[in-house]
Amino acid sequence: MIREFSADDAFSPFLPAEGIHNLRDYGGYAVPGGGRVRTGLLFRSGQHMEASEADLELLHALDIRTVIDLRGTSERAAFPCRRHPQFAAEVIAHQGETSNSPPHEGGGGKEVMTPQKARERMLAVYRRMPVNPAMISIFSRYFAALDERDGGSLVHCFAGKDRTGMAASLLLHVLGVHRDDVVAEFLRTNEAPTREILERQSLARIEAHYGAIAPEALDYLLGVQPEYIETYFAVVARDHGSLDTYLAQALGVDEARKARLRAKLVA
């Protein structure tokens, strides 16, 4: 199901879902020269363990050919995705752990989770992500899959906001989207109409770690902030000089791959 986009459309990226958080199309952004990232090909979301029958029909209608699951082995085992009876997409996943737990949930003994601690925890997640060998590996496979495979794709993790947020951000940069729009797409997670799904799926485990959580602290854990993505980019710049150098040297996105991805995903 190709979702057409024009500048005159009131394009809403969020798809109606009953058991999947943050399911949306991350195309539609302008690129230099007058083109736009294609819609109807690039989708992102949280995990699908509680996907309803209607959700599965919706996903099936999108004709997604490739699923990139950014979660590690233990997350996939604990929260298995539901699939449509006719599901035939190739699933790409890391054999091992990409994170000790869903990044927003944390672990360890009980402590008072203040807003400042929640902020610091999430910034630590974004400082680790660019240098985490498992994330480098699965992000590299994400780019290779989009280069080598045709049809629609869906990238997801548990909440669809941190690992998935950076995967989408990196791809949009590769496609030529302006940094302001890349950050806007990252922050669009905070507009998702399905936060209650994420709270239902996560809050009990978060409170088991930390006890009761103040609303502001919960916003840091369950949402995203501009400083999260800027922290990721700052680590990349510190270690590699530029985002494009990092993409080429760490993730295998050289100029030839960029050109192929732009030819395929920009109209």
Protein backbone atom coordinates (compact mmCIF):
# COMPACT_ATOMS: atom_id res chain seq x y z
CA MET A 1 0.00 0.00 0.00
CA ILE A 2 1.88 3.09 -1.25
CA ARG A 3 0.89 6.22 0.67
CA GLU A 4 1.21 9.11 -1.79
CA PHE A 5 2.41 12.50 -0.56
CA SER A 6 2.29 15.98 -2.00
CA ALA A 7 3.06 19.37 -0.53
CA ASP A 8 -0.69 20.10 -0.38
CA ASP A 9 -1.53 17.02 1.66
CA ALA A 10 -2.20 17.09 5.39
CA PHE A 11 0.13 14.12 5.65
CA SER A 12 -0.01 12.32 8.98
CA PRO A 13 2.82 9.87 9.49
CA PHE A 14 1.12 7.91 12.30
CA LEU A 15 -0.79 4.80 11.40
CA PRO A 16 -3.75 3.71 13.57
CA ALA A 17 -2.64 0.93 15.90
CA GLU A 18 -4.20 -0.81 18.87
CA GLY A 19 -1.19 -2.65 20.29
CA ILE A 20 1.88 -1.18 18.57
CA HIS A 21 3.45 2.04 19.85
CA ASN A 22 4.74 4.76 17.54
CA LEU A 23 3.92 3.07 14.24
CA ARG A 24 4.58 5.59 11.50
CA ASP A 25 5.92 6.39 8.05
CA TYR A 26 9.20 8.31 8.25
CA GLY A 27 9.23 9.42 4.63
CA GLY A 28 7.91 12.64 3.14
CA TYR A 29 10.81 14.96 4.02
CA ALA A 30 12.22 17.39 1.46
CA VAL A 31 15.72 16.98 0.07
CA PRO A 32 17.85 19.37 -1.99
CA GLY A 33 16.80 19.68 -5.61
CA GLY A 34 13.08 19.58 -4.99
CA GLY A 35 12.65 15.88 -4.24
CA ARG A 36 11.17 14.19 -1.20
CA VAL A 37 11.84 10.96 0.63
CA ARG A 38 9.29 8.49 -0.67
CA THR A 39 6.34 7.66 1.53
CA GLY A 40 4.86 4.18 1.75
CA LEU A 41 8.27 2.49 1.89
CA LEU A 42 9.91 3.40 5.21
CA PHE A 43 8.12 2.50 8.41
CA ARG A 44 9.16 2.49 12.07
CA SER A 45 7.57 1.35 15.32
CA GLY A 46 7.90 -0.24 18.70
CA GLN A 47 7.66 -3.99 19.22
CA HIS A 48 4.69 -6.06 18.06
CA MET A 49 4.05 -8.48 20.92
CA GLU A 50 0.60 -6.97 21.60
CA ALA A 51 -0.31 -6.31 17.97
CA SER A 52 -4.05 -6.80 17.48
CA GLU A 53 -5.60 -8.64 14.58
CA ALA A 54 -6.38 -5.25 13.04
CA ASP A 55 -2.75 -4.20 13.50
CA LEU A 56 -1.55 -7.34 11.73
CA GLU A 57 -3.92 -6.68 8.83
CA LEU A 58 -2.66 -3.10 8.62
CA LEU A 59 0.96 -4.21 8.52
CA HIS A 60 0.15 -6.87 5.93
CA ALA A 61 -1.50 -4.27 3.70
CA LEU A 62 1.68 -2.16 3.77
CA ASP A 63 3.48 -4.97 1.88
CA ILE A 64 6.59 -4.73 4.04
CA ARG A 65 9.31 -6.96 2.59
CA THR A 66 12.05 -6.40 5.21
CA VAL A 67 11.85 -6.06 9.00
CA ILE A 68 14.94 -4.84 10.86
CA ASP A 69 14.53 -5.76 14.53
CA LEU A 70 17.07 -3.76 16.55
CA ARG A 71 16.40 -5.65 19.77
CA GLY A 72 18.81 -8.23 21.14
CA THR A 73 18.24 -11.95 21.56
CA SER A 74 16.84 -11.78 25.09
CA GLU A 75 14.41 -8.97 24.22
CA ARG A 76 13.09 -10.89 21.23
CA ALA A 77 12.62 -14.00 23.35
CA ALA A 78 10.85 -12.09 26.14
CA PHE A 79 8.67 -10.04 23.81
CA PRO A 80 8.05 -12.10 20.65
CA CYS A 81 6.40 -10.27 17.76
CA ARG A 82 3.02 -11.40 16.53
CA ARG A 83 2.87 -12.03 12.79
CA HIS A 84 0.17 -12.08 10.17
CA PRO A 85 -0.64 -15.62 8.92
CA GLN A 86 0.76 -14.63 5.53
CA PHE A 87 3.83 -12.85 6.90
CA ALA A 88 6.68 -13.38 4.43
CA ALA A 89 9.12 -10.56 5.13
CA GLU A 90 12.78 -11.23 5.83
CA VAL A 91 13.60 -10.42 9.47
CA ILE A 92 17.09 -9.07 10.14
CA ALA A 93 18.23 -9.18 13.77
CA HIS A 94 21.40 -9.29 15.83
CA GLN A 95 22.44 -12.60 17.35
CA GLY A 96 23.40 -11.33 20.78
CA GLU A 97 22.45 -8.33 22.86
CA THR A 98 22.14 -4.81 21.49
CA SER A 99 21.27 -3.42 24.93
CA ASN A 100 21.19 -4.80 28.47
CA SER A 101 17.45 -4.06 28.49
CA PRO A 102 15.06 -1.76 26.65
CA PRO A 103 17.02 1.50 27.04
CA HIS A 104 14.16 3.38 28.68
CA GLU A 105 13.60 0.72 31.34
CA GLY A 106 16.96 0.34 33.04
CA GLY A 107 17.66 -2.21 35.75
CA GLY A 108 19.37 -2.84 39.02
CA GLY A 109 18.00 -2.26 42.50
CA LYS A 110 15.36 0.20 43.53
CA GLU A 111 16.28 3.85 43.72
CA VAL A 112 14.46 7.13 43.51
CA MET A 113 14.26 7.98 39.83
CA THR A 114 14.29 11.76 39.76
CA PRO A 115 13.94 13.75 36.54
CA GLN A 116 17.67 14.52 36.63
CA LYS A 117 18.58 10.84 37.02
CA ALA A 118 16.21 9.90 34.21
CA ARG A 119 17.80 12.52 31.96
CA GLU A 120 21.31 11.33 32.83
CA ARG A 121 20.34 7.71 32.21
CA MET A 122 19.02 8.47 28.74
CA LEU A 123 22.01 10.64 27.81
CA ALA A 124 24.25 7.73 28.80
CA VAL A 125 22.28 5.52 26.39
CA TYR A 126 23.02 7.92 23.54
CA ARG A 127 26.69 8.23 24.44
CA ARG A 128 27.07 4.44 24.29
CA MET A 129 25.04 3.77 21.17
CA PRO A 130 27.53 5.10 18.55
CA VAL A 131 30.37 2.98 19.96
CA ASN A 132 28.40 -0.16 20.84
CA PRO A 133 29.71 -2.91 18.50
CA ALA A 134 26.33 -4.63 18.43
CA MET A 135 24.56 -1.43 17.37
CA ILE A 136 27.23 -0.73 14.77
CA SER A 137 26.67 -4.22 13.38
CA ILE A 138 22.87 -4.05 13.22
CA PHE A 139 22.85 -0.48 11.85
CA SER A 140 25.28 -1.64 9.15
CA ARG A 141 22.93 -4.49 8.27
CA TYR A 142 19.98 -2.06 8.22
CA PHE A 143 21.69 0.08 5.59
CA ALA A 144 22.78 -2.94 3.59
CA ALA A 145 19.24 -4.32 3.59
CA LEU A 146 17.75 -1.05 2.38
CA ASP A 147 20.39 -0.92 -0.35
CA GLU A 148 20.11 -4.52 -1.48
CA ARG A 149 16.42 -5.34 -0.98
CA ASP A 150 13.37 -3.94 -2.73
CA GLY A 151 9.98 -3.03 -1.34
CA GLY A 152 8.90 -1.56 1.95
CA SER A 153 10.80 -1.94 5.20
CA LEU A 154 10.03 -1.56 8.88
CA VAL A 155 12.64 -0.87 11.54
CA HIS A 156 11.76 -1.31 15.20
CA CYS A 157 13.10 -1.93 18.68
CA PHE A 158 11.08 -2.15 21.91
CA ALA A 159 9.73 1.40 22.23
CA GLY A 160 10.55 2.56 18.71
CA LYS A 161 12.20 5.74 19.89
CA ASP A 162 15.90 5.38 20.81
CA ARG A 163 17.58 2.70 18.69
CA THR A 164 14.87 3.06 16.05
CA GLY A 165 15.01 6.84 16.31
CA MET A 166 18.70 6.88 15.51
CA ALA A 167 18.37 4.37 12.68
CA ALA A 168 15.75 6.57 11.01
CA SER A 169 17.78 9.72 11.69
CA LEU A 170 20.90 8.29 10.10
CA LEU A 171 19.02 7.17 7.01
CA LEU A 172 17.33 10.53 6.55
CA HIS A 173 20.74 12.21 6.78
CA VAL A 174 22.07 9.84 4.12
CA LEU A 175 19.11 10.72 1.88
CA GLY A 176 19.95 14.42 2.14
CA VAL A 177 17.27 15.58 4.61
CA HIS A 178 18.17 18.82 6.41
CA ARG A 179 19.39 18.41 9.99
CA ASP A 180 16.42 20.41 11.32
CA ASP A 181 14.03 17.93 9.71
CA VAL A 182 16.07 14.97 10.93
CA VAL A 183 15.73 16.26 14.49
CA ALA A 184 12.03 17.03 13.94
CA GLU A 185 11.44 13.42 12.84
CA PHE A 186 13.31 12.17 15.88
CA LEU A 187 11.17 14.36 18.17
CA ARG A 188 7.93 13.35 16.46
CA THR A 189 7.91 10.35 18.79
CA ASN A 190 6.58 12.70 21.46
CA GLU A 191 3.48 13.25 19.30
CA ALA A 192 2.68 9.53 19.01
CA PRO A 193 -0.98 8.95 19.94
CA THR A 194 -0.16 5.57 21.47
CA ARG A 195 1.92 6.38 24.54
CA GLU A 196 -0.55 4.50 26.72
CA ILE A 197 0.52 1.33 24.88
CA LEU A 198 4.16 1.91 25.81
CA GLU A 199 3.21 2.69 29.41
CA ARG A 200 1.18 -0.50 29.60
CA GLN A 201 4.08 -2.50 28.22
CA SER A 202 6.82 -0.89 30.33
CA LEU A 203 5.63 0.91 33.42
CA ALA A 204 5.35 -2.13 35.69
CA ARG A 205 8.96 -3.13 34.99
CA ILE A 206 10.21 0.45 35.38
CA GLU A 207 8.49 0.75 38.74
CA ALA A 208 9.90 -2.63 39.78
CA HIS A 209 13.37 -1.13 39.29
CA TYR A 210 12.78 2.35 40.62
CA GLY A 211 9.53 2.49 42.56
CA ALA A 212 7.04 5.22 41.73
CA ILE A 213 8.18 7.53 38.93
CA ALA A 214 7.51 11.26 38.80
CA PRO A 215 5.72 12.32 35.59
CA GLU A 216 8.64 14.51 34.45
CA ALA A 217 11.08 11.64 34.96
CA LEU A 218 8.75 9.37 33.01
CA ASP A 219 8.75 11.86 30.14
CA TYR A 220 12.54 11.58 29.95
CA LEU A 221 12.33 7.76 29.93
CA LEU A 222 9.36 7.25 27.60
CA GLY A 223 9.88 10.22 25.29
CA VAL A 224 12.82 11.80 23.51
CA GLN A 225 14.63 15.12 23.87
CA PRO A 226 16.70 17.16 21.39
CA GLU A 227 19.78 16.63 23.56
CA TYR A 228 19.51 12.86 23.06
CA ILE A 229 20.14 12.98 19.32
CA GLU A 230 22.65 15.81 19.70
CA THR A 231 24.58 13.69 22.22
CA TYR A 232 24.79 10.86 19.67
CA PHE A 233 26.02 13.24 16.98
CA ALA A 234 28.55 14.82 19.37
CA VAL A 235 30.11 11.45 20.17
CA VAL A 236 30.33 10.65 16.45
CA ALA A 237 31.95 14.02 15.71
CA ARG A 238 34.41 13.59 18.58
CA ASP A 239 35.51 10.15 17.42
CA HIS A 240 35.25 10.45 13.63
CA GLY A 241 35.26 14.13 12.76
CA SER A 242 31.95 14.03 10.90
CA LEU A 243 28.78 12.01 10.61
CA ASP A 244 29.54 11.14 7.00
CA THR A 245 32.95 9.75 7.94
CA TYR A 246 31.31 7.62 10.64
CA LEU A 247 28.72 6.35 8.20
CA ALA A 248 31.42 5.37 5.71
CA GLN A 249 33.97 3.92 8.12
CA ALA A 250 31.73 2.31 10.74
CA LEU A 251 28.45 1.56 8.96
CA GLY A 252 29.56 0.86 5.40
CA VAL A 253 27.63 3.75 3.84
CA ASP A 254 30.08 5.03 1.26
CA GLU A 255 29.25 7.46 -1.54
CA ALA A 256 28.18 4.67 -3.89
CA ARG A 257 25.74 3.25 -1.33
CA LYS A 258 24.42 6.76 -0.61
CA ALA A 259 23.75 7.27 -4.31
CA ARG A 260 21.90 3.95 -4.60
CA LEU A 261 19.78 4.66 -1.54
CA ARG A 262 18.90 8.13 -2.81
CA ALA A 263 17.95 6.75 -6.23
CA LYS A 264 15.69 4.18 -4.60
CA LEU A 265 14.14 6.19 -1.76
CA VAL A 266 13.90 9.78 -3.06
CA ALA A 267 11.40 10.91 -5.67
